Amino acid sequence: MKLVMAVIQDKDSNRLLQALGEERFQVTKLASTGGFLKEGNTTLIIGCKDENVDDVLQIIKDNCSQREQMVAPISPMGGSADSYIPKPVKVEVGGATVFVLPVESFYQF
């Protein structure tokens, strides 16, 4: 058994949850916040059999798209202004960061 943890953008969460549900995967959804952009993320926890991991990963890949987004700079507070960029910049967002962990035991009460 494996535990799949996927950190995705909020914009992709509904589409991904629906796709996982259609394939009968049970999912726990957690609200989370990204460190770089300080925007809302969704962390999904999916328990599945070893032979289903590739299916889960493909569903995540198919439903979490990468895109460019303009980000307004955050002014340095008490830090060095040397690396401060005074105008908005394009950054790539979206996609998914996925961890696949072995499950030693599983209990359901």
Protein backbone atom coordinates (compact mmCIF):
# COMPACT_ATOMS: atom_id res chain seq x y z
CA MET A 1 0.00 0.00 0.00
CA LYS A 2 1.16 3.56 -0.75
CA LEU A 3 0.27 7.03 0.48
CA VAL A 4 0.27 9.63 -2.30
CA MET A 5 0.48 13.25 -1.16
CA ALA A 6 -0.07 15.84 -3.88
CA VAL A 7 0.35 19.59 -3.38
CA ILE A 8 -1.58 21.40 -6.11
CA GLN A 9 -2.96 24.87 -6.84
CA ASP A 10 -6.46 25.60 -5.57
CA LYS A 11 -7.53 26.28 -9.17
CA ASP A 12 -6.88 22.64 -10.09
CA SER A 13 -8.42 21.02 -7.01
CA ASN A 14 -12.07 20.63 -8.06
CA ARG A 15 -11.20 19.15 -11.45
CA LEU A 16 -8.69 16.73 -9.89
CA LEU A 17 -11.03 15.67 -7.07
CA GLN A 18 -13.75 14.90 -9.60
CA ALA A 19 -11.38 12.86 -11.79
CA LEU A 20 -10.09 10.86 -8.81
CA GLY A 21 -13.66 10.27 -7.61
CA GLU A 22 -14.73 8.99 -11.02
CA GLU A 23 -12.01 6.33 -10.73
CA ARG A 24 -13.15 5.48 -7.17
CA PHE A 25 -10.05 6.75 -5.36
CA GLN A 26 -10.75 8.03 -1.87
CA VAL A 27 -9.13 11.38 -1.12
CA THR A 28 -8.64 13.61 1.90
CA LYS A 29 -8.37 17.31 1.03
CA LEU A 30 -6.35 19.72 3.19
CA ALA A 31 -6.02 23.48 2.76
CA SER A 32 -2.39 24.61 2.67
CA THR A 33 -0.36 27.70 1.80
CA GLY A 34 2.61 27.87 -0.54
CA GLY A 35 5.85 29.32 0.73
CA PHE A 36 6.99 31.24 -2.36
CA LEU A 37 3.85 32.99 -3.60
CA LYS A 38 1.99 32.84 -0.26
CA GLU A 39 -1.12 31.67 -2.13
CA GLY A 40 -3.61 28.98 -1.30
CA ASN A 41 -2.75 25.43 -2.21
CA THR A 42 -4.56 22.18 -1.74
CA THR A 43 -2.84 19.11 -0.37
CA LEU A 44 -4.49 15.82 -1.27
CA ILE A 45 -3.82 12.60 0.62
CA ILE A 46 -4.64 9.44 -1.32
CA GLY A 47 -4.17 5.91 -0.03
CA CYS A 48 -4.00 3.26 -2.75
CA LYS A 49 -2.70 -0.18 -3.61
CA ASP A 50 0.81 -0.38 -5.06
CA GLU A 51 -0.53 -1.37 -8.48
CA ASN A 52 -2.75 1.77 -8.62
CA VAL A 53 0.00 4.36 -8.00
CA ASP A 54 0.69 4.88 -11.72
CA ASP A 55 -3.03 5.45 -12.36
CA VAL A 56 -3.21 8.05 -9.58
CA LEU A 57 -0.09 9.82 -10.87
CA GLN A 58 -1.49 9.94 -14.42
CA ILE A 59 -4.79 11.43 -13.20
CA ILE A 60 -2.86 14.09 -11.27
CA LYS A 61 -0.69 14.85 -14.30
CA ASP A 62 -3.72 15.11 -16.60
CA ASN A 63 -5.60 17.53 -14.31
CA CYS A 64 -2.94 19.85 -12.89
CA SER A 65 -1.68 22.20 -15.56
CA GLN A 66 1.29 24.55 -15.37
CA ARG A 67 0.77 28.16 -16.42
CA GLU A 68 2.46 31.54 -16.18
CA GLN A 69 1.24 34.16 -13.74
CA MET A 70 2.26 37.75 -13.12
CA VAL A 71 3.41 38.26 -9.54
CA ALA A 72 3.63 41.66 -7.88
CA PRO A 73 6.83 42.09 -5.90
CA ILE A 74 6.83 42.11 -2.12
CA SER A 75 8.94 44.96 -0.77
CA PRO A 76 11.81 44.01 1.53
CA MET A 77 11.03 44.69 5.17
CA GLY A 78 14.21 45.32 7.12
CA GLY A 79 16.26 43.32 4.65
CA SER A 80 18.60 44.16 1.84
CA ALA A 81 17.04 45.89 -1.14
CA ASP A 82 19.76 44.54 -3.45
CA SER A 83 17.64 41.61 -4.66
CA TYR A 84 14.36 43.55 -4.72
CA ILE A 85 12.65 43.63 -8.14
CA PRO A 86 10.40 46.73 -8.32
CA LYS A 87 8.06 45.51 -11.08
CA PRO A 88 5.81 42.46 -11.57
CA VAL A 89 7.47 39.35 -12.99
CA LYS A 90 6.15 36.22 -14.70
CA VAL A 91 6.53 32.98 -12.76
CA GLU A 92 5.46 29.45 -13.62
CA VAL A 93 2.73 28.15 -11.32
CA GLY A 94 0.54 25.11 -11.19
CA GLY A 95 1.39 21.53 -11.84
CA ALA A 96 1.78 19.29 -8.83
CA THR A 97 4.39 18.29 -6.29
CA VAL A 98 3.77 14.65 -5.43
CA PHE A 99 5.23 12.40 -2.75
CA VAL A 100 4.69 8.63 -2.79
CA LEU A 101 5.31 7.03 0.59
CA PRO A 102 5.21 3.39 1.68
CA VAL A 103 2.52 2.51 4.21
CA GLU A 104 3.64 0.09 6.89
CA SER A 105 0.22 -0.25 8.53
CA PHE A 106 -3.32 0.92 7.82
CA TYR A 107 -6.18 0.98 10.30
CA GLN A 108 -9.75 2.11 9.87
CA PHE A 109 -11.93 2.32 12.99
